[in-house]
PDB file of all heavy atoms in Angstrom:
ATOM      1  N   ASN A   1      30.491  45.548  48.918  1.00  0.00           N
ATOM      2  CA  ASN A   1      30.510  45.034  47.630  1.00  0.00           C
ATOM      3  C   ASN A   1      31.871  45.173  46.994  1.00  0.00           C
ATOM      4  O   ASN A   1      32.640  46.144  47.295  1.00  0.00           O
ATOM      5  CB  ASN A   1      29.392  45.604  46.775  1.00  0.00           C
ATOM      6  CG  ASN A   1      28.045  45.521  47.323  1.00  0.00           C
ATOM      7  OD1 ASN A   1      27.669  44.559  47.987  1.00  0.00           O
ATOM      8  ND2 ASN A   1      27.258  46.595  47.136  1.00  0.00           N
ATOM      9  N   ASP A   2      32.190  44.208  46.172  1.00  0.00           N
ATOM     10  CA  ASP A   2      33.561  44.328  45.575  1.00  0.00           C
ATOM     11  C   ASP A   2      33.728  45.539  44.667  1.00  0.00           C
ATOM     12  O   ASP A   2      32.826  46.085  44.082  1.00  0.00           O
ATOM     13  CB  ASP A   2      33.926  43.023  44.796  1.00  0.00           C
ATOM     14  CG  ASP A   2      33.153  42.953  43.414  1.00  0.00           C
ATOM     15  OD1 ASP A   2      33.600  43.547  42.421  1.00  0.00           O
ATOM     16  OD2 ASP A   2      32.046  42.309  43.351  1.00  0.00           O
ATOM     17  N   PHE A   3      35.015  46.052  44.645  1.00  0.00           N
ATOM     18  CA  PHE A   3      35.364  47.274  43.955  1.00  0.00           C
ATOM     19  C   PHE A   3      34.946  47.317  42.538  1.00  0.00           C
ATOM     20  O   PHE A   3      34.549  48.418  42.028  1.00  0.00           O
ATOM     21  CB  PHE A   3      36.847  47.528  44.134  1.00  0.00           C
ATOM     22  CG  PHE A   3      37.316  48.755  43.420  1.00  0.00           C
ATOM     23  CD1 PHE A   3      37.162  49.977  44.007  1.00  0.00           C
ATOM     24  CD2 PHE A   3      37.960  48.625  42.236  1.00  0.00           C
ATOM     25  CE1 PHE A   3      37.534  51.124  43.317  1.00  0.00           C
ATOM     26  CE2 PHE A   3      38.369  49.802  41.587  1.00  0.00           C
ATOM     27  CZ  PHE A   3      38.184  51.017  42.096  1.00  0.00           C
ATOM     28  N   TRP A   4      35.036  46.216  41.847  1.00  0.00           N
ATOM     29  CA  TRP A   4      34.998  46.164  40.362  1.00  0.00           C
ATOM     30  C   TRP A   4      33.533  46.317  39.954  1.00  0.00           C
ATOM     31  O   TRP A   4      33.197  46.772  38.830  1.00  0.00           O
ATOM     32  CB  TRP A   4      35.593  44.979  39.805  1.00  0.00           C
ATOM     33  CG  TRP A   4      37.072  44.935  40.084  1.00  0.00           C
ATOM     34  CD1 TRP A   4      37.732  44.121  40.966  1.00  0.00           C
ATOM     35  CD2 TRP A   4      38.103  45.779  39.374  1.00  0.00           C
ATOM     36  NE1 TRP A   4      39.144  44.444  40.921  1.00  0.00           N
ATOM     37  CE2 TRP A   4      39.292  45.435  39.962  1.00  0.00           C
ATOM     38  CE3 TRP A   4      38.077  46.753  38.454  1.00  0.00           C
ATOM     39  CZ2 TRP A   4      40.502  46.042  39.608  1.00  0.00           C
ATOM     40  CZ3 TRP A   4      39.213  47.364  38.085  1.00  0.00           C
ATOM     41  CH2 TRP A   4      40.457  47.047  38.618  1.00  0.00           C
ATOM     42  N   THR A   5      32.549  45.807  40.734  1.00  0.00           N
ATOM     43  CA  THR A   5      31.171  45.779  40.268  1.00  0.00           C
ATOM     44  C   THR A   5      30.237  46.818  41.033  1.00  0.00           C
ATOM     45  O   THR A   5      29.177  47.050  40.554  1.00  0.00           O
ATOM     46  CB  THR A   5      30.532  44.410  40.568  1.00  0.00           C
ATOM     47  OG1 THR A   5      30.521  44.095  41.951  1.00  0.00           O
ATOM     48  CG2 THR A   5      31.339  43.299  39.698  1.00  0.00           C
ATOM     49  N   ARG A   6      30.717  47.357  42.129  1.00  0.00           N
ATOM     50  CA  ARG A   6      29.831  48.310  42.829  1.00  0.00           C
ATOM     51  C   ARG A   6      29.826  49.749  42.095  1.00  0.00           C
ATOM     52  O   ARG A   6      30.730  49.998  41.366  1.00  0.00           O
ATOM     53  CB  ARG A   6      30.264  48.470  44.311  1.00  0.00           C
ATOM     54  CG  ARG A   6      31.476  49.170  44.595  1.00  0.00           C
ATOM     55  CD  ARG A   6      31.704  49.431  46.079  1.00  0.00           C
ATOM     56  NE  ARG A   6      32.915  50.161  46.296  1.00  0.00           N
ATOM     57  CZ  ARG A   6      34.023  49.680  46.916  1.00  0.00           C
ATOM     58  NH1 ARG A   6      34.046  48.354  47.110  1.00  0.00           N
ATOM     59  NH2 ARG A   6      35.045  50.429  47.118  1.00  0.00           N
ATOM     60  N   LEU A   7      28.833  50.380  42.483  1.00  0.00           N
ATOM     61  CA  LEU A   7      28.601  51.807  41.955  1.00  0.00           C
ATOM     62  C   LEU A   7      29.802  52.698  42.559  1.00  0.00           C
ATOM     63  O   LEU A   7      29.956  52.737  43.738  1.00  0.00           O
ATOM     64  CB  LEU A   7      27.274  52.409  42.331  1.00  0.00           C
ATOM     65  CG  LEU A   7      27.006  53.756  41.788  1.00  0.00           C
ATOM     66  CD1 LEU A   7      26.971  53.841  40.333  1.00  0.00           C
ATOM     67  CD2 LEU A   7      25.577  54.186  42.363  1.00  0.00           C
ATOM     68  N   SER A   8      30.353  53.446  41.729  1.00  0.00           N
ATOM     69  CA  SER A   8      31.498  54.341  42.106  1.00  0.00           C
ATOM     70  C   SER A   8      31.102  55.420  43.102  1.00  0.00           C
ATOM     71  O   SER A   8      29.909  55.903  42.991  1.00  0.00           O
ATOM     72  CB  SER A   8      32.222  54.936  40.887  1.00  0.00           C
ATOM     73  OG  SER A   8      33.200  55.927  41.361  1.00  0.00           O
ATOM     74  N   ASP A   9      31.977  55.774  44.059  1.00  0.00           N
ATOM     75  CA  ASP A   9      31.622  56.810  45.031  1.00  0.00           C
ATOM     76  C   ASP A   9      31.370  58.152  44.488  1.00  0.00           C
ATOM     77  O   ASP A   9      30.578  58.943  44.886  1.00  0.00           O
ATOM     78  CB  ASP A   9      32.757  56.871  46.118  1.00  0.00           C
ATOM     79  CG  ASP A   9      32.852  55.619  46.954  1.00  0.00           C
ATOM     80  OD1 ASP A   9      31.830  54.941  47.132  1.00  0.00           O
ATOM     81  OD2 ASP A   9      34.008  55.373  47.487  1.00  0.00           O
ATOM     82  N   ASN A  10      32.146  58.424  43.422  1.00  0.00           N
ATOM     83  CA  ASN A  10      32.019  59.794  42.743  1.00  0.00           C
ATOM     84  C   ASN A  10      31.245  59.787  41.470  1.00  0.00           C
ATOM     85  O   ASN A  10      31.491  60.502  40.580  1.00  0.00           O
ATOM     86  CB  ASN A  10      33.441  60.409  42.618  1.00  0.00           C
ATOM     87  CG  ASN A  10      34.327  59.502  41.688  1.00  0.00           C
ATOM     88  OD1 ASN A  10      33.924  58.347  41.425  1.00  0.00           O
ATOM     89  ND2 ASN A  10      35.467  60.012  41.344  1.00  0.00           N
ATOM     90  N   SER A  11      30.283  58.837  41.338  1.00  0.00           N
ATOM     91  CA  SER A  11      29.581  58.754  40.090  1.00  0.00           C
ATOM     92  C   SER A  11      28.643  59.876  39.891  1.00  0.00           C
ATOM     93  O   SER A  11      28.097  60.368  40.770  1.00  0.00           O
ATOM     94  CB  SER A  11      28.681  57.327  40.102  1.00  0.00           C
ATOM     95  OG  SER A  11      27.857  57.386  41.260  1.00  0.00           O
ATOM     96  N   SER A  12      28.478  60.236  38.606  1.00  0.00           N
ATOM     97  CA  SER A  12      27.704  61.305  38.265  1.00  0.00           C
ATOM     98  C   SER A  12      26.261  60.813  38.118  1.00  0.00           C
ATOM     99  O   SER A  12      25.980  59.579  38.162  1.00  0.00           O
ATOM    100  CB  SER A  12      28.106  61.967  36.898  1.00  0.00           C
ATOM    101  OG  SER A  12      28.073  61.113  35.827  1.00  0.00           O
ATOM    102  N   ARG A  13      25.327  61.687  37.821  1.00  0.00           N
ATOM    103  CA  ARG A  13      23.828  61.305  37.618  1.00  0.00           C
ATOM    104  C   ARG A  13      23.783  60.430  36.434  1.00  0.00           C
ATOM    105  O   ARG A  13      23.071  59.464  36.399  1.00  0.00           O
ATOM    106  CB  ARG A  13      23.123  62.637  37.402  1.00  0.00           C
ATOM    107  CG  ARG A  13      21.600  62.337  37.314  1.00  0.00           C
ATOM    108  CD  ARG A  13      20.896  63.689  37.074  1.00  0.00           C
ATOM    109  NE  ARG A  13      19.509  63.616  36.764  1.00  0.00           N
ATOM    110  CZ  ARG A  13      18.586  63.556  37.730  1.00  0.00           C
ATOM    111  NH1 ARG A  13      18.871  63.735  38.982  1.00  0.00           N
ATOM    112  NH2 ARG A  13      17.290  63.480  37.440  1.00  0.00           N
ATOM    113  N   GLU A  14      24.602  60.765  35.399  1.00  0.00           N
ATOM    114  CA  GLU A  14      24.578  59.989  34.141  1.00  0.00           C
ATOM    115  C   GLU A  14      25.174  58.531  34.427  1.00  0.00           C
ATOM    116  O   GLU A  14      24.665  57.602  33.979  1.00  0.00           O
ATOM    117  CB  GLU A  14      25.375  60.596  33.035  1.00  0.00           C
ATOM    118  CG  GLU A  14      24.724  61.862  32.496  1.00  0.00           C
ATOM    119  CD  GLU A  14      24.791  63.108  33.409  1.00  0.00           C
ATOM    120  OE1 GLU A  14      25.738  63.036  34.377  1.00  0.00           O
ATOM    121  OE2 GLU A  14      24.085  64.065  33.223  1.00  0.00           O
ATOM    122  N   ASP A  15      26.258  58.537  35.191  1.00  0.00           N
ATOM    123  CA  ASP A  15      26.840  57.179  35.564  1.00  0.00           C
ATOM    124  C   ASP A  15      25.843  56.400  36.365  1.00  0.00           C
ATOM    125  O   ASP A  15      25.823  55.131  36.164  1.00  0.00           O
ATOM    126  CB  ASP A  15      28.151  57.434  36.377  1.00  0.00           C
ATOM    127  CG  ASP A  15      29.183  58.076  35.552  1.00  0.00           C
ATOM    128  OD1 ASP A  15      29.189  58.013  34.340  1.00  0.00           O
ATOM    129  OD2 ASP A  15      30.090  58.837  36.178  1.00  0.00           O
ATOM    130  N   GLN A  16      25.124  56.965  37.243  1.00  0.00           N
ATOM    131  CA  GLN A  16      24.207  56.226  38.054  1.00  0.00           C
ATOM    132  C   GLN A  16      23.131  55.676  37.175  1.00  0.00           C
ATOM    133  O   GLN A  16      22.740  54.496  37.384  1.00  0.00           O
ATOM    134  CB  GLN A  16      23.562  57.169  39.158  1.00  0.00           C
ATOM    135  CG  GLN A  16      24.579  57.541  40.195  1.00  0.00           C
ATOM    136  CD  GLN A  16      24.057  58.722  41.101  1.00  0.00           C
ATOM    137  OE1 GLN A  16      22.868  59.170  40.912  1.00  0.00           O
ATOM    138  NE2 GLN A  16      24.795  59.139  42.075  1.00  0.00           N
ATOM    139  N   LEU A  17      22.571  56.385  36.201  1.00  0.00           N
ATOM    140  CA  LEU A  17      21.595  55.832  35.365  1.00  0.00           C
ATOM    141  C   LEU A  17      22.112  54.720  34.474  1.00  0.00           C
ATOM    142  O   LEU A  17      21.424  53.677  34.340  1.00  0.00           O
ATOM    143  CB  LEU A  17      21.027  56.989  34.497  1.00  0.00           C
ATOM    144  CG  LEU A  17      19.921  56.586  33.492  1.00  0.00           C
ATOM    145  CD1 LEU A  17      18.659  56.008  34.236  1.00  0.00           C
ATOM    146  CD2 LEU A  17      19.471  57.771  32.686  1.00  0.00           C
ATOM    147  N   ALA A  18      23.326  54.874  33.982  1.00  0.00           N
ATOM    148  CA  ALA A  18      23.894  53.883  33.146  1.00  0.00           C
ATOM    149  C   ALA A  18      24.147  52.564  33.906  1.00  0.00           C
ATOM    150  O   ALA A  18      23.899  51.461  33.486  1.00  0.00           O
ATOM    151  CB  ALA A  18      25.277  54.342  32.581  1.00  0.00           C
ATOM    152  N   TYR A  19      24.555  52.699  35.205  1.00  0.00           N
ATOM    153  CA  TYR A  19      24.839  51.575  36.158  1.00  0.00           C
ATOM    154  C   TYR A  19      23.406  50.912  36.353  1.00  0.00           C
ATOM    155  O   TYR A  19      23.339  49.633  36.303  1.00  0.00           O
ATOM    156  CB  TYR A  19      25.329  52.013  37.334  1.00  0.00           C
ATOM    157  CG  TYR A  19      25.729  50.898  38.330  1.00  0.00           C
ATOM    158  CD1 TYR A  19      26.971  50.314  38.384  1.00  0.00           C
ATOM    159  CD2 TYR A  19      24.744  50.431  39.294  1.00  0.00           C
ATOM    160  CE1 TYR A  19      27.283  49.305  39.290  1.00  0.00           C
ATOM    161  CE2 TYR A  19      25.090  49.447  40.137  1.00  0.00           C
ATOM    162  CZ  TYR A  19      26.320  48.844  40.121  1.00  0.00           C
ATOM    163  OH  TYR A  19      26.634  47.863  40.967  1.00  0.00           O
ATOM    164  N   PHE A  20      22.429  51.676  36.654  1.00  0.00           N
ATOM    165  CA  PHE A  20      21.080  51.175  36.940  1.00  0.00           C
ATOM    166  C   PHE A  20      20.492  50.379  35.719  1.00  0.00           C
ATOM    167  O   PHE A  20      19.969  49.285  35.854  1.00  0.00           O
ATOM    168  CB  PHE A  20      20.120  52.267  37.305  1.00  0.00           C
ATOM    169  CG  PHE A  20      18.647  51.960  37.350  1.00  0.00           C
ATOM    170  CD1 PHE A  20      18.120  51.107  38.327  1.00  0.00           C
ATOM    171  CD2 PHE A  20      17.802  52.403  36.375  1.00  0.00           C
ATOM    172  CE1 PHE A  20      16.857  50.755  38.372  1.00  0.00           C
ATOM    173  CE2 PHE A  20      16.473  52.094  36.438  1.00  0.00           C
ATOM    174  CZ  PHE A  20      15.909  51.279  37.422  1.00  0.00           C
ATOM    175  N   GLN A  21      20.718  50.967  34.528  1.00  0.00           N
ATOM    176  CA  GLN A  21      20.274  50.272  33.305  1.00  0.00           C
ATOM    177  C   GLN A  21      20.886  48.948  33.050  1.00  0.00           C
ATOM    178  O   GLN A  21      20.239  47.987  32.445  1.00  0.00           O
ATOM    179  CB  GLN A  21      20.420  51.169  32.138  1.00  0.00           C
ATOM    180  CG  GLN A  21      19.520  52.418  32.120  1.00  0.00           C
ATOM    181  CD  GLN A  21      19.847  53.375  31.065  1.00  0.00           C
ATOM    182  OE1 GLN A  21      20.957  53.404  30.426  1.00  0.00           O
ATOM    183  NE2 GLN A  21      18.976  54.356  30.821  1.00  0.00           N
ATOM    184  N   LYS A  22      22.125  48.709  33.549  1.00  0.00           N
ATOM    185  CA  LYS A  22      22.737  47.415  33.400  1.00  0.00           C
ATOM    186  C   LYS A  22      22.120  46.454  34.382  1.00  0.00           C
ATOM    187  O   LYS A  22      22.292  45.221  34.202  1.00  0.00           O
ATOM    188  CB  LYS A  22      24.249  47.565  33.654  1.00  0.00           C
ATOM    189  CG  LYS A  22      24.943  48.407  32.581  1.00  0.00           C
ATOM    190  CD  LYS A  22      26.429  48.523  32.926  1.00  0.00           C
ATOM    191  CE  LYS A  22      27.188  49.366  31.846  1.00  0.00           C
ATOM    192  NZ  LYS A  22      28.521  49.570  32.150  1.00  0.00           N
ATOM    193  N   LYS A  23      21.583  46.904  35.531  1.00  0.00           N
ATOM    194  CA  LYS A  23      21.009  46.026  36.495  1.00  0.00           C
ATOM    195  C   LYS A  23      19.525  45.699  36.201  1.00  0.00           C
ATOM    196  O   LYS A  23      18.918  44.790  36.886  1.00  0.00           O
ATOM    197  CB  LYS A  23      21.081  46.598  37.853  1.00  0.00           C
ATOM    198  CG  LYS A  23      22.507  47.002  38.299  1.00  0.00           C
ATOM    199  CD  LYS A  23      23.304  45.713  38.467  1.00  0.00           C
ATOM    200  CE  LYS A  23      24.779  46.131  38.935  1.00  0.00           C
ATOM    201  NZ  LYS A  23      25.622  44.889  38.973  1.00  0.00           N
ATOM    202  N   ILE A  24      18.922  46.335  35.194  1.00  0.00           N
ATOM    203  CA  ILE A  24      17.548  46.158  34.811  1.00  0.00           C
ATOM    204  C   ILE A  24      17.552  45.652  33.353  1.00  0.00           C
ATOM    205  O   ILE A  24      17.855  46.375  32.497  1.00  0.00           O
ATOM    206  CB  ILE A  24      16.700  47.415  34.924  1.00  0.00           C
ATOM    207  CG1 ILE A  24      16.730  47.996  36.355  1.00  0.00           C
ATOM    208  CG2 ILE A  24      15.215  47.115  34.490  1.00  0.00           C
ATOM    209  CD1 ILE A  24      15.977  47.250  37.366  1.00  0.00           C
TER     210      ILE A  24
END
């Protein structure tokens, strides 16, 4: 997936939830 839209490799638990919420 392209660098700008994919989930970061070093994302924290909070980052992952924030990313998920943008996809739902």
